[in-house]
């Protein structure tokens, strides 16, 4: 009996999925919104939407804190858990958002959401997209329509993930074009605004930097006497089945660098199964994915090894050495693609094996060219100066703030 049910489910899974998507995004959510939006708008209602996270992320933390202090605002947070919650739970969470957003004056989001995009939003609701990544690195949205990673163009037009935006705040003028392309905003110039990324303000706060260092050394006390190598790769594959690289030869790194360095691993939050570090290397390599924030690690690290992660934009604010461990570059080009030519774009050496990485780190003081990183920072992070949150508040609320 079980095998028969499984066979039937497999046969009808795809058409049922299409029916579910059409029913929710084209009928249920828009209809619910229309009914609920008949009531008068609440001029002090602010909604923060987390699309995947189970808690409010650093994308909103500073802004949320400042608004909370104002007292005048009625602040609501919605955690949709897309890709993580069971389907029935996800629908329930989305319905709660749709009902709540119907009379909201202000909405903040930091990721793509077909739920928000499908609503016939009233004109007096202000939606601000505070995208979770700085710069413009990996392609996303409509930019991936012809690549393996994204939906096809027809599907993205029928069920858009980026719509209803009043403002999109980004880290520099140079990258506005990329966000307009990805979010289908080329016909709406001025929506994408290069006024900075809120969460980067902490990197200009001396008290925060001191606290970040203390936190890292409290969690990893053996790092006090060493220089820190941060290894923070992006995930591979799709969000629901995200994998992380496991190709570094840690035993070789320990032999060659162990006297002076320690390696801290920070895997992407989408990755559920992470490679274990051998017991005999625990004093040299530590997985701090669950114990330290990426912000604390960026503040404290002496060298950053990444690949295609946008965190290198934030790290450029510190003007420290970066290594791009791009052993699968050709494959990644085909999978997702980049907004700029990777080989001329990244502000550091592109390396493909552990030996090359070790060689570069051993001579990093002579090999590192700070002027390259500084130029990268000025070009792609020029609007991140420690005052982005203030500018976003002024843009969105204007004189509405008491």
Protein backbone atom coordinates (compact mmCIF):
# COMPACT_ATOMS: atom_id res chain seq x y z
CA UNK A 1 0.00 0.00 0.00
CA UNK A 2 2.82 2.40 0.92
CA UNK A 3 4.53 1.80 -2.42
CA UNK A 4 1.30 2.53 -4.31
CA UNK A 5 0.73 5.78 -2.42
CA UNK A 6 4.35 6.80 -3.01
CA UNK A 7 4.03 6.05 -6.72
CA UNK A 8 0.83 8.12 -7.00
CA UNK A 9 2.42 11.00 -5.08
CA UNK A 10 5.46 10.96 -7.32
CA UNK A 11 3.27 11.02 -10.43
CA UNK A 12 1.16 13.97 -9.33
CA UNK A 13 3.74 15.88 -7.30
CA UNK A 14 4.69 18.31 -10.06
CA UNK A 15 1.15 19.25 -11.18
CA UNK A 16 0.06 19.54 -7.54
CA UNK A 17 3.02 21.84 -6.91
CA UNK A 18 1.99 24.05 -9.82
CA UNK A 19 -1.59 24.14 -8.57
CA UNK A 20 -0.45 25.06 -5.05
CA UNK A 21 1.74 27.87 -6.36
CA UNK A 22 -0.98 29.31 -8.60
CA UNK A 23 -3.63 28.97 -5.91
CA UNK A 24 -1.65 30.75 -3.20
CA UNK A 25 0.17 33.43 -5.21
CA UNK A 26 -2.54 34.27 -7.73
CA UNK A 27 -5.73 33.75 -5.72
CA UNK A 28 -5.53 33.23 -1.94
CA UNK A 29 -2.89 35.78 -0.90
CA UNK A 30 -4.06 38.60 -3.24
CA UNK A 31 -7.73 38.04 -2.34
CA UNK A 32 -6.97 38.03 1.39
CA UNK A 33 -4.99 41.24 1.01
CA UNK A 34 -7.78 42.99 -0.91
CA UNK A 35 -10.30 42.16 1.79
CA UNK A 36 -8.06 43.17 4.70
CA UNK A 37 -6.77 46.36 3.05
CA UNK A 38 -10.20 47.95 3.10
CA UNK A 39 -9.46 49.29 6.55
CA UNK A 40 -7.59 52.52 7.07
CA UNK A 41 -3.80 52.41 6.93
CA UNK A 42 -1.94 52.57 10.25
CA UNK A 43 0.63 55.41 9.86
CA UNK A 44 2.86 54.04 12.63
CA UNK A 45 2.84 50.35 11.71
CA UNK A 46 6.23 48.95 10.68
CA UNK A 47 6.73 45.39 9.47
CA UNK A 48 10.03 43.54 9.21
CA UNK A 49 9.99 40.42 7.02
CA UNK A 50 12.58 37.68 7.41
CA UNK A 51 12.09 35.32 4.46
CA UNK A 52 14.23 32.41 5.66
CA UNK A 53 15.76 33.16 9.05
CA UNK A 54 14.26 31.97 12.33
CA UNK A 55 15.14 35.26 14.02
CA UNK A 56 15.66 38.91 13.17
CA UNK A 57 19.02 39.15 11.38
CA UNK A 58 21.72 41.78 11.40
CA UNK A 59 20.23 43.20 8.17
CA UNK A 60 17.60 44.87 10.37
CA UNK A 61 19.18 44.94 13.82
CA UNK A 62 20.38 48.56 13.86
CA UNK A 63 17.26 49.98 12.21
CA UNK A 64 14.96 47.91 14.42
CA UNK A 65 16.76 49.14 17.54
CA UNK A 66 16.55 52.79 16.51
CA UNK A 67 12.84 52.54 15.68
CA UNK A 68 12.14 50.74 18.95
CA UNK A 69 13.64 53.68 20.86
CA UNK A 70 11.32 56.11 19.09
CA UNK A 71 8.30 54.59 20.91
CA UNK A 72 5.85 55.95 18.34
CA UNK A 73 5.99 52.88 16.09
CA UNK A 74 4.04 49.66 16.26
CA UNK A 75 6.65 47.15 15.10
CA UNK A 76 5.78 43.64 13.88
CA UNK A 77 8.21 40.91 12.79
CA UNK A 78 7.34 38.02 10.47
CA UNK A 79 9.59 34.95 10.11
CA UNK A 80 8.38 33.07 7.02
CA UNK A 81 11.00 30.27 7.09
CA UNK A 82 10.74 29.72 3.33
CA UNK A 83 12.46 26.49 2.35
CA UNK A 84 12.68 25.38 5.99
CA UNK A 85 9.12 25.28 7.36
CA UNK A 86 6.67 22.54 6.37
CA UNK A 87 4.34 23.61 3.57
CA UNK A 88 1.25 23.96 5.77
CA UNK A 89 3.23 25.96 8.34
CA UNK A 90 4.67 28.16 5.62
CA UNK A 91 1.20 28.93 4.26
CA UNK A 92 0.01 29.80 7.76
CA UNK A 93 2.96 32.16 8.27
CA UNK A 94 2.42 33.77 4.88
CA UNK A 95 -1.28 34.30 5.55
CA UNK A 96 -0.46 36.00 8.84
CA UNK A 97 1.92 38.33 6.99
CA UNK A 98 -0.61 39.13 4.27
CA UNK A 99 -3.28 40.04 6.82
CA UNK A 100 -0.85 42.12 8.87
CA UNK A 101 0.68 43.96 5.95
CA UNK A 102 -2.73 45.08 4.67
CA UNK A 103 -2.83 48.22 6.83
CA UNK A 104 0.92 48.75 7.31
CA UNK A 105 2.55 52.03 6.34
CA UNK A 106 6.14 50.74 6.32
CA UNK A 107 7.56 47.37 5.25
CA UNK A 108 11.20 46.26 5.35
CA UNK A 109 12.55 43.11 3.72
CA UNK A 110 16.06 41.86 2.96
CA UNK A 111 15.50 38.91 0.62
CA UNK A 112 13.40 37.85 -2.36
CA UNK A 113 9.76 37.02 -1.64
CA UNK A 114 7.12 35.93 -4.14
CA UNK A 115 4.53 36.43 -1.38
CA UNK A 116 5.22 40.15 -1.02
CA UNK A 117 5.55 40.47 -4.81
CA UNK A 118 2.16 38.89 -5.53
CA UNK A 119 0.13 41.38 -3.50
CA UNK A 120 -1.85 44.24 -5.10
CA UNK A 121 -0.14 46.60 -2.67
CA UNK A 122 -1.81 49.91 -1.82
CA UNK A 123 0.09 52.96 -3.08
CA UNK A 124 0.60 54.53 0.35
CA UNK A 125 2.56 51.57 1.75
CA UNK A 126 6.31 52.12 1.58
CA UNK A 127 8.35 48.97 0.93
CA UNK A 128 12.11 49.13 1.43
CA UNK A 129 14.31 46.28 0.23
CA UNK A 130 17.50 46.22 2.35
CA UNK A 131 19.17 43.44 0.39
CA UNK A 132 21.19 41.02 2.57
CA UNK A 133 24.35 41.13 0.43
CA UNK A 134 26.69 44.04 -0.19
CA UNK A 135 28.12 44.80 -3.61
CA UNK A 136 27.18 42.77 -6.68
CA UNK A 137 28.92 39.42 -6.91
CA UNK A 138 26.89 36.28 -7.75
CA UNK A 139 23.95 36.76 -10.08
CA UNK A 140 20.43 36.50 -8.67
CA UNK A 141 16.83 37.16 -9.62
CA UNK A 142 16.15 37.85 -13.29
CA UNK A 143 19.91 37.82 -13.94
CA UNK A 144 19.88 34.03 -13.48
CA UNK A 145 16.90 33.41 -15.77
CA UNK A 146 19.04 31.68 -18.40
CA UNK A 147 21.35 29.88 -15.96
CA UNK A 148 21.09 26.59 -14.05
CA UNK A 149 20.61 28.21 -10.63
CA UNK A 150 17.44 30.22 -11.14
CA UNK A 151 13.89 29.77 -12.39
CA UNK A 152 13.31 30.17 -16.11
CA UNK A 153 12.39 33.57 -17.49
CA UNK A 154 8.75 32.66 -18.10
CA UNK A 155 8.28 31.51 -14.51
CA UNK A 156 10.02 34.59 -13.07
CA UNK A 157 7.70 36.87 -15.02
CA UNK A 158 4.61 34.93 -13.97
CA UNK A 159 5.65 34.62 -10.33
CA UNK A 160 8.07 37.50 -9.64
CA UNK A 161 10.16 37.60 -6.47
CA UNK A 162 10.94 41.30 -6.75
CA UNK A 163 8.01 43.68 -7.00
CA UNK A 164 6.25 46.42 -5.02
CA UNK A 165 9.52 48.08 -3.96
CA UNK A 166 9.55 51.78 -3.14
CA UNK A 167 13.25 51.78 -2.31
CA UNK A 168 16.15 49.35 -2.71
CA UNK A 169 19.21 50.37 -0.70
CA UNK A 170 22.66 49.27 -1.92
CA UNK A 171 26.31 49.81 -1.07
CA UNK A 172 27.57 51.92 -4.01
CA UNK A 173 26.57 53.79 -7.16
CA UNK A 174 28.60 51.42 -9.35
CA UNK A 175 26.32 48.43 -8.67
CA UNK A 176 22.91 50.08 -9.16
CA UNK A 177 22.64 48.62 -12.67
CA UNK A 178 23.06 45.05 -11.38
CA UNK A 179 20.18 45.36 -8.91
CA UNK A 180 17.98 47.02 -11.52
CA UNK A 181 18.63 44.05 -13.81
CA UNK A 182 18.12 41.39 -11.12
CA UNK A 183 14.93 42.97 -9.77
CA UNK A 184 13.46 43.99 -13.16
CA UNK A 185 13.68 47.68 -12.25
CA UNK A 186 15.41 48.97 -15.39
CA UNK A 187 12.19 50.81 -16.32
CA UNK A 188 11.97 52.36 -12.84
CA UNK A 189 15.17 54.41 -12.44
CA UNK A 190 15.66 55.84 -8.98
CA UNK A 191 14.18 52.95 -7.02
CA UNK A 192 17.65 51.50 -6.36
CA UNK A 193 19.46 53.98 -4.15
CA UNK A 194 23.20 53.82 -3.30
CA UNK A 195 22.93 55.13 0.26
CA UNK A 196 24.66 52.27 2.08
CA UNK A 197 23.94 49.00 3.84
CA UNK A 198 22.66 49.39 7.40
CA UNK A 199 24.45 46.46 9.00
CA UNK A 200 27.91 47.75 7.94
CA UNK A 201 27.59 50.70 10.33
CA UNK A 202 28.90 48.53 13.17
CA UNK A 203 32.28 48.25 11.47
CA UNK A 204 32.86 51.95 12.15
CA UNK A 205 32.00 51.66 15.85
CA UNK A 206 35.09 51.31 18.06
CA UNK A 207 33.07 49.89 20.95
CA UNK A 208 31.61 47.23 18.67
CA UNK A 209 35.04 46.31 17.30
CA UNK A 210 36.41 45.90 20.81
CA UNK A 211 33.46 43.76 21.85
CA UNK A 212 33.82 41.61 18.71
CA UNK A 213 37.47 40.88 19.49
CA UNK A 214 36.64 39.98 23.07
CA UNK A 215 33.88 37.64 21.90
CA UNK A 216 36.14 35.79 19.45
CA UNK A 217 38.87 35.30 22.04
CA UNK A 218 36.36 34.16 24.63
CA UNK A 219 35.01 31.45 22.32
CA UNK A 220 38.43 30.53 20.88
CA UNK A 221 40.98 31.42 23.58
CA UNK A 222 43.86 29.77 21.67
CA UNK A 223 43.44 32.48 18.99
CA UNK A 224 44.89 35.15 21.30
CA UNK A 225 48.47 34.17 20.56
CA UNK A 226 47.93 33.53 16.84
CA UNK A 227 46.92 35.30 13.68
CA UNK A 228 43.44 34.36 12.52
CA UNK A 229 42.59 32.92 9.10
CA UNK A 230 38.86 33.10 8.45
CA UNK A 231 37.57 30.50 6.00
CA UNK A 232 34.05 31.46 4.93
CA UNK A 233 32.95 29.77 1.70
CA UNK A 234 29.55 30.20 0.13
CA UNK A 235 27.26 27.22 -0.35
CA UNK A 236 27.06 25.03 -3.45
CA UNK A 237 23.85 23.85 -5.12
CA UNK A 238 20.35 24.98 -4.28
CA UNK A 239 19.17 26.46 -0.98
CA UNK A 240 17.17 23.42 0.14
CA UNK A 241 20.10 21.03 -0.39
CA UNK A 242 23.03 23.40 0.16
CA UNK A 243 26.49 21.87 0.50
CA UNK A 244 29.79 23.33 1.63
CA UNK A 245 33.32 22.79 0.25
CA UNK A 246 35.52 20.25 1.98
CA UNK A 247 38.73 20.39 -0.03
CA UNK A 248 41.23 22.20 2.19
CA UNK A 249 44.13 20.01 3.36
CA UNK A 250 44.05 21.01 7.02
CA UNK A 251 46.85 18.65 8.03
CA UNK A 252 49.18 20.33 5.53
CA UNK A 253 48.07 23.79 6.66
CA UNK A 254 48.68 22.86 10.28
CA UNK A 255 52.20 21.62 9.54
CA UNK A 256 53.14 24.72 7.56
CA UNK A 257 51.25 27.47 9.44
CA UNK A 258 50.34 26.04 12.84
CA UNK A 259 53.01 27.95 14.76
CA UNK A 260 51.63 31.34 13.78
CA UNK A 261 48.06 30.88 12.61
CA UNK A 262 44.69 29.40 13.55
CA UNK A 263 41.86 28.72 11.07
CA UNK A 264 38.26 29.55 11.97
CA UNK A 265 35.51 28.03 9.80
CA UNK A 266 32.27 29.91 9.19
CA UNK A 267 29.98 27.94 6.89
CA UNK A 268 26.95 29.38 5.14
CA UNK A 269 23.77 29.21 7.29
CA UNK A 270 21.93 27.25 4.57
CA UNK A 271 24.32 24.31 4.98
CA UNK A 272 22.84 21.68 7.30
CA UNK A 273 25.62 19.07 7.19
CA UNK A 274 29.11 20.44 7.73
CA UNK A 275 32.42 18.55 7.49
CA UNK A 276 33.88 17.58 10.86
CA UNK A 277 37.33 18.78 11.82
CA UNK A 278 39.63 15.90 12.93
CA UNK A 279 40.17 15.75 16.69
CA UNK A 280 43.94 16.08 16.37
CA UNK A 281 43.52 19.45 14.63
CA UNK A 282 41.17 21.04 17.18
CA UNK A 283 43.83 23.47 18.40
CA UNK A 284 44.52 24.68 14.84
CA UNK A 285 41.11 24.59 13.12
CA UNK A 286 37.79 25.44 14.79
CA UNK A 287 34.28 25.47 13.35
CA UNK A 288 32.61 28.57 14.82
CA UNK A 289 29.55 28.55 12.55
CA UNK A 290 27.18 28.17 15.51
CA UNK A 291 29.11 30.17 18.08
CA UNK A 292 30.33 33.38 16.42
CA UNK A 293 28.69 35.88 14.08
CA UNK A 294 30.25 36.62 10.72
CA UNK A 295 30.52 40.28 11.78
CA UNK A 296 32.70 39.43 14.80
CA UNK A 297 34.89 37.24 12.65
CA UNK A 298 35.34 39.87 9.95
CA UNK A 299 36.39 42.39 12.61
CA UNK A 300 39.00 40.08 14.12
CA UNK A 301 40.48 38.06 11.25
CA UNK A 302 43.90 38.83 9.79
CA UNK A 303 43.30 36.99 6.51
CA UNK A 304 40.05 35.96 4.85
CA UNK A 305 39.71 32.95 2.54
CA UNK A 306 36.47 32.87 0.59
CA UNK A 307 35.33 32.06 -2.92
CA UNK A 308 32.15 33.62 -4.29
CA UNK A 309 30.67 35.05 -1.09
CA UNK A 310 29.63 38.68 -0.88
CA UNK A 311 31.17 38.93 2.59
CA UNK A 312 34.39 40.01 0.85
CA UNK A 313 32.74 43.39 0.27
CA UNK A 314 32.32 43.91 4.02
CA UNK A 315 35.83 42.60 4.63
CA UNK A 316 37.23 45.16 2.21
CA UNK A 317 36.24 47.85 4.72
CA UNK A 318 39.14 46.63 6.88
CA UNK A 319 41.59 46.68 3.94
CA UNK A 320 43.14 43.34 4.90
CA UNK A 321 44.38 40.43 2.74
CA UNK A 322 41.84 38.24 0.95
CA UNK A 323 42.35 34.91 -0.81
CA UNK A 324 39.87 33.60 -3.37
CA UNK A 325 39.83 29.81 -3.21
CA UNK A 326 38.07 29.23 -6.53
CA UNK A 327 38.95 25.62 -7.35
CA UNK A 328 35.58 25.14 -9.12
CA UNK A 329 35.38 28.49 -10.90
CA UNK A 330 34.44 27.17 -14.35
CA UNK A 331 31.64 25.07 -12.90
CA UNK A 332 30.33 27.98 -10.85
CA UNK A 333 30.32 30.23 -13.92
CA UNK A 334 27.98 27.78 -15.63
CA UNK A 335 25.87 27.28 -12.50
CA UNK A 336 25.19 30.85 -11.44
CA UNK A 337 27.49 33.40 -13.02
CA UNK A 338 28.83 36.79 -11.88
CA UNK A 339 28.06 40.44 -12.57
CA UNK A 340 31.71 41.20 -13.27
CA UNK A 341 34.53 39.17 -14.75
CA UNK A 342 35.72 37.20 -11.73
CA UNK A 343 39.38 37.02 -12.74
CA UNK A 344 39.80 40.80 -13.01
CA UNK A 345 37.25 41.76 -10.38
CA UNK A 346 38.34 40.15 -7.09
CA UNK A 347 40.86 42.10 -4.93
CA UNK A 348 43.20 39.20 -4.15
CA UNK A 349 44.88 36.11 -5.59
CA UNK A 350 42.70 33.39 -7.15
CA UNK A 351 44.07 30.07 -5.92
CA UNK A 352 42.99 26.49 -6.55
CA UNK A 353 44.73 24.29 -3.95
CA UNK A 354 45.95 24.27 -0.37
CA UNK A 355 49.64 24.52 -1.29
CA UNK A 356 49.07 27.79 -3.14
CA UNK A 357 47.12 29.17 -0.19
CA UNK A 358 49.88 28.29 2.26
CA UNK A 359 52.56 29.80 0.01
CA UNK A 360 50.67 33.08 -0.24
CA UNK A 361 49.98 33.32 3.51
CA UNK A 362 53.65 32.67 4.32
CA UNK A 363 54.66 35.69 2.21
CA UNK A 364 51.52 37.77 2.74
CA UNK A 365 53.30 40.81 4.19
CA UNK A 366 55.26 41.28 0.97
CA UNK A 367 52.62 40.02 -1.47
CA UNK A 368 49.57 41.90 -0.18
CA UNK A 369 48.78 45.12 -2.06
CA UNK A 370 46.49 47.23 0.10
CA UNK A 371 45.86 49.74 -2.70
CA UNK A 372 44.00 47.07 -4.70
CA UNK A 373 41.60 46.41 -1.81
CA UNK A 374 41.21 50.12 -1.15
CA UNK A 375 40.16 50.76 -4.75
CA UNK A 376 37.74 47.81 -4.55
CA UNK A 377 36.27 49.27 -1.37
CA UNK A 378 35.82 52.73 -2.83
CA UNK A 379 34.16 51.36 -5.96
CA UNK A 380 31.75 48.80 -4.48
CA UNK A 381 31.31 49.96 -0.87
CA UNK A 382 31.56 53.72 -1.30
CA UNK A 383 28.25 54.45 0.46
CA UNK A 384 29.13 52.42 3.55
CA UNK A 385 30.64 54.92 5.96
CA UNK A 386 29.00 54.20 9.31
CA UNK A 387 25.92 56.36 8.66
CA UNK A 388 23.85 54.19 6.31
CA UNK A 389 21.10 53.52 8.87
CA UNK A 390 20.59 57.24 9.42
CA UNK A 391 20.23 57.85 5.68
CA UNK A 392 17.77 54.95 5.31
CA UNK A 393 15.62 56.30 8.14
CA UNK A 394 15.62 59.77 6.61
CA UNK A 395 14.73 58.34 3.18
CA UNK A 396 11.87 56.16 4.41
CA UNK A 397 10.35 58.12 7.29
CA UNK A 398 11.34 61.70 6.55
CA UNK A 399 9.45 64.03 8.87
CA UNK A 400 7.18 61.21 10.11
CA UNK A 401 9.65 60.47 12.90
CA UNK A 402 8.87 62.42 16.02
